[in-house]
Amino acid sequence: MVLTVPPLPKEALLEQTNSSAESSEVIRERVLKAHNIQFKRQGKFNDKLTPDEIEKSIPLISRPLKTTPNKPKPPIFPTI
């Protein structure tokens, strides 16, 4: 499975200020929480899933997205 993720527009990256950016510690905690959720759900991390396991446990929803210029929308994932 290949997901194509468009790059963020340069303007979106440049308009961030230090006050609106997350700290490394906050990001680290969020990543650790996600890893724990993955392991509890599947018994392994997402990068170790086979293509069949991905299709079974993390199906993508295919539907058109309304987008506005310079504001790409993320893919839609179902809640499990």
N, C-alpha and C. Protein backbone atom coordinates (compact mmCIF):
# COMPACT_ATOMS: atom_id res chain seq x y z
N MET A 1 0.85 -1.17 0.00
CA MET A 1 0.00 0.00 0.00
C MET A 1 0.90 1.24 0.00
N VAL A 2 0.56 2.19 -0.83
CA VAL A 2 1.31 3.43 -0.89
C VAL A 2 0.34 4.59 -0.70
N LEU A 3 0.66 5.45 0.23
CA LEU A 3 -0.12 6.67 0.44
C LEU A 3 0.70 7.84 -0.04
N THR A 4 0.13 8.67 -0.86
CA THR A 4 0.81 9.87 -1.33
C THR A 4 0.34 11.03 -0.47
N VAL A 5 1.28 11.67 0.17
CA VAL A 5 0.97 12.79 1.05
C VAL A 5 1.56 14.04 0.44
N PRO A 6 0.72 15.01 0.09
CA PRO A 6 1.26 16.23 -0.52
C PRO A 6 2.05 17.03 0.51
N PRO A 7 3.09 17.73 0.04
CA PRO A 7 3.86 18.56 0.97
C PRO A 7 3.03 19.75 1.44
N LEU A 8 3.35 20.22 2.63
CA LEU A 8 2.69 21.42 3.12
C LEU A 8 3.19 22.62 2.34
N PRO A 9 2.34 23.58 2.08
CA PRO A 9 2.80 24.79 1.43
C PRO A 9 3.81 25.51 2.33
N LYS A 10 4.80 26.12 1.71
CA LYS A 10 5.83 26.83 2.46
C LYS A 10 5.23 27.88 3.38
N GLU A 11 4.17 28.54 2.93
CA GLU A 11 3.53 29.58 3.73
C GLU A 11 2.99 29.03 5.04
N ALA A 12 2.44 27.80 4.99
CA ALA A 12 1.88 27.20 6.21
C ALA A 12 2.98 26.93 7.23
N LEU A 13 4.16 26.57 6.75
CA LEU A 13 5.28 26.33 7.65
C LEU A 13 5.85 27.62 8.20
N LEU A 14 5.91 28.64 7.36
CA LEU A 14 6.51 29.90 7.77
C LEU A 14 5.61 30.72 8.69
N GLU A 15 4.29 30.50 8.63
CA GLU A 15 3.39 31.30 9.46
C GLU A 15 3.32 30.80 10.89
N GLN A 16 3.93 29.66 11.19
CA GLN A 16 3.95 29.18 12.56
C GLN A 16 4.86 30.07 13.40
N THR A 17 4.41 30.33 14.60
CA THR A 17 5.24 31.09 15.51
C THR A 17 5.69 30.16 16.63
N ASN A 18 6.69 30.56 17.35
CA ASN A 18 7.16 29.74 18.46
C ASN A 18 6.07 29.48 19.48
N SER A 19 5.19 30.44 19.66
CA SER A 19 4.12 30.26 20.65
C SER A 19 3.08 29.25 20.20
N SER A 20 2.92 29.04 18.88
CA SER A 20 1.92 28.08 18.41
C SER A 20 2.51 26.70 18.13
N ALA A 21 3.83 26.58 18.14
CA ALA A 21 4.47 25.30 17.86
C ALA A 21 4.50 24.44 19.12
N GLU A 22 4.33 23.13 18.93
CA GLU A 22 4.42 22.21 20.06
C GLU A 22 5.88 22.00 20.44
N SER A 23 6.12 21.79 21.71
CA SER A 23 7.48 21.50 22.15
C SER A 23 7.83 20.06 21.79
N SER A 24 9.11 19.77 21.74
CA SER A 24 9.57 18.41 21.45
C SER A 24 9.04 17.43 22.49
N GLU A 25 8.96 17.86 23.73
CA GLU A 25 8.47 16.98 24.79
C GLU A 25 7.00 16.62 24.58
N VAL A 26 6.19 17.58 24.17
CA VAL A 26 4.77 17.33 23.92
C VAL A 26 4.62 16.35 22.76
N ILE A 27 5.39 16.56 21.71
CA ILE A 27 5.35 15.67 20.55
C ILE A 27 5.81 14.27 20.94
N ARG A 28 6.87 14.18 21.73
CA ARG A 28 7.39 12.89 22.18
C ARG A 28 6.32 12.12 22.96
N GLU A 29 5.63 12.78 23.86
CA GLU A 29 4.58 12.13 24.64
C GLU A 29 3.45 11.63 23.74
N ARG A 30 3.09 12.42 22.74
CA ARG A 30 2.03 12.02 21.81
C ARG A 30 2.45 10.79 21.00
N VAL A 31 3.70 10.76 20.57
CA VAL A 31 4.21 9.62 19.79
C VAL A 31 4.25 8.37 20.66
N LEU A 32 4.72 8.50 21.90
CA LEU A 32 4.76 7.34 22.81
C LEU A 32 3.35 6.80 23.08
N LYS A 33 2.39 7.70 23.23
CA LYS A 33 1.00 7.28 23.45
C LYS A 33 0.49 6.52 22.22
N ALA A 34 0.80 7.02 21.02
CA ALA A 34 0.38 6.34 19.79
C ALA A 34 1.02 4.96 19.68
N HIS A 35 2.30 4.85 20.02
CA HIS A 35 2.98 3.55 19.99
C HIS A 35 2.31 2.56 20.95
N ASN A 36 1.97 3.04 22.14
CA ASN A 36 1.30 2.17 23.10
C ASN A 36 -0.06 1.70 22.59
N ILE A 37 -0.81 2.59 21.98
CA ILE A 37 -2.12 2.23 21.42
C ILE A 37 -1.96 1.18 20.33
N GLN A 38 -0.97 1.39 19.44
CA GLN A 38 -0.71 0.42 18.36
C GLN A 38 -0.41 -0.96 18.93
N PHE A 39 0.47 -1.01 19.91
CA PHE A 39 0.89 -2.29 20.45
C PHE A 39 -0.25 -3.00 21.18
N LYS A 40 -1.05 -2.25 21.93
CA LYS A 40 -2.20 -2.84 22.63
C LYS A 40 -3.22 -3.37 21.63
N ARG A 41 -3.43 -2.65 20.52
CA ARG A 41 -4.44 -3.02 19.54
C ARG A 41 -4.01 -4.24 18.71
N GLN A 42 -2.72 -4.32 18.35
CA GLN A 42 -2.29 -5.30 17.36
C GLN A 42 -1.22 -6.27 17.85
N GLY A 43 -0.64 -5.99 19.01
CA GLY A 43 0.45 -6.84 19.48
C GLY A 43 1.78 -6.55 18.81
N LYS A 44 1.81 -5.50 18.00
CA LYS A 44 3.02 -5.05 17.33
C LYS A 44 2.80 -3.63 16.83
N PHE A 45 3.88 -2.99 16.41
CA PHE A 45 3.78 -1.62 15.92
C PHE A 45 3.36 -1.61 14.45
N ASN A 46 2.79 -0.50 14.00
CA ASN A 46 2.27 -0.38 12.64
C ASN A 46 3.30 -0.73 11.58
N ASP A 47 4.58 -0.37 11.80
CA ASP A 47 5.59 -0.64 10.76
C ASP A 47 5.88 -2.13 10.60
N LYS A 48 5.39 -2.96 11.51
CA LYS A 48 5.60 -4.42 11.43
C LYS A 48 4.38 -5.15 10.86
N LEU A 49 3.31 -4.43 10.53
CA LEU A 49 2.11 -5.05 9.99
C LEU A 49 2.34 -5.51 8.56
N THR A 50 1.74 -6.65 8.22
CA THR A 50 1.76 -7.12 6.83
C THR A 50 0.68 -6.36 6.05
N PRO A 51 0.75 -6.36 4.73
CA PRO A 51 -0.31 -5.69 3.96
C PRO A 51 -1.70 -6.23 4.29
N ASP A 52 -1.84 -7.54 4.48
CA ASP A 52 -3.15 -8.10 4.84
C ASP A 52 -3.64 -7.60 6.19
N GLU A 53 -2.73 -7.49 7.16
CA GLU A 53 -3.10 -6.98 8.48
C GLU A 53 -3.52 -5.51 8.40
N ILE A 54 -2.85 -4.76 7.55
CA ILE A 54 -3.21 -3.35 7.38
C ILE A 54 -4.61 -3.24 6.80
N GLU A 55 -4.89 -4.00 5.76
CA GLU A 55 -6.21 -3.98 5.15
C GLU A 55 -7.30 -4.38 6.14
N LYS A 56 -7.00 -5.35 6.99
CA LYS A 56 -7.99 -5.85 7.94
C LYS A 56 -8.24 -4.88 9.10
N SER A 57 -7.18 -4.32 9.66
CA SER A 57 -7.34 -3.53 10.88
C SER A 57 -7.40 -2.03 10.66
N ILE A 58 -6.94 -1.55 9.52
CA ILE A 58 -6.92 -0.11 9.29
C ILE A 58 -7.45 0.19 7.88
N PRO A 59 -8.72 -0.08 7.62
CA PRO A 59 -9.24 0.19 6.28
C PRO A 59 -9.36 1.69 6.01
N LEU A 60 -9.02 2.09 4.81
CA LEU A 60 -9.17 3.49 4.42
C LEU A 60 -10.58 3.70 3.90
N ILE A 61 -11.11 4.87 4.14
CA ILE A 61 -12.42 5.25 3.62
C ILE A 61 -12.17 6.10 2.39
N SER A 62 -12.79 5.71 1.33
CA SER A 62 -12.60 6.43 0.08
C SER A 62 -13.80 7.33 -0.15
N ARG A 63 -13.57 8.63 -0.12
CA ARG A 63 -14.64 9.58 -0.42
C ARG A 63 -14.00 10.89 -0.84
N PRO A 64 -14.66 11.65 -1.68
CA PRO A 64 -14.10 12.92 -2.12
C PRO A 64 -13.97 13.89 -0.94
N LEU A 65 -12.91 14.64 -0.95
CA LEU A 65 -12.70 15.64 0.07
C LEU A 65 -12.85 17.03 -0.54
N LYS A 66 -13.52 17.91 0.20
CA LYS A 66 -13.58 19.30 -0.23
C LYS A 66 -12.31 19.97 0.27
N THR A 67 -11.58 20.58 -0.63
CA THR A 67 -10.34 21.24 -0.22
C THR A 67 -10.38 22.70 -0.64
N THR A 68 -9.63 23.47 0.08
CA THR A 68 -9.47 24.87 -0.27
C THR A 68 -8.02 25.06 -0.71
N PRO A 69 -7.75 26.02 -1.56
CA PRO A 69 -6.37 26.24 -2.01
C PRO A 69 -5.44 26.45 -0.82
N ASN A 70 -4.25 25.86 -0.90
CA ASN A 70 -3.19 26.00 0.10
C ASN A 70 -3.53 25.38 1.45
N LYS A 71 -4.60 24.60 1.52
CA LYS A 71 -4.95 23.94 2.78
C LYS A 71 -5.29 22.49 2.50
N PRO A 72 -4.25 21.62 2.33
CA PRO A 72 -4.55 20.22 2.04
C PRO A 72 -5.22 19.55 3.22
N LYS A 73 -6.15 18.65 2.92
CA LYS A 73 -6.87 17.91 3.95
C LYS A 73 -6.19 16.56 4.14
N PRO A 74 -6.11 16.08 5.39
CA PRO A 74 -5.52 14.76 5.63
C PRO A 74 -6.46 13.66 5.18
N PRO A 75 -5.94 12.43 4.95
CA PRO A 75 -6.82 11.33 4.60
C PRO A 75 -7.76 11.02 5.77
N ILE A 76 -8.90 10.45 5.46
CA ILE A 76 -9.89 10.11 6.47
C ILE A 76 -9.66 8.67 6.90
N PHE A 77 -9.46 8.45 8.20
CA PHE A 77 -9.30 7.11 8.74
C PHE A 77 -10.47 6.83 9.67
N PRO A 78 -10.99 5.61 9.64
CA PRO A 78 -12.08 5.30 10.55
C PRO A 78 -11.58 5.20 11.99
N THR A 79 -12.44 5.45 12.93
CA THR A 79 -12.06 5.25 14.33
C THR A 79 -12.30 3.79 14.66
N ILE A 80 -11.39 3.23 15.41
CA ILE A 80 -11.46 1.80 15.73
C ILE A 80 -11.75 1.64 17.21
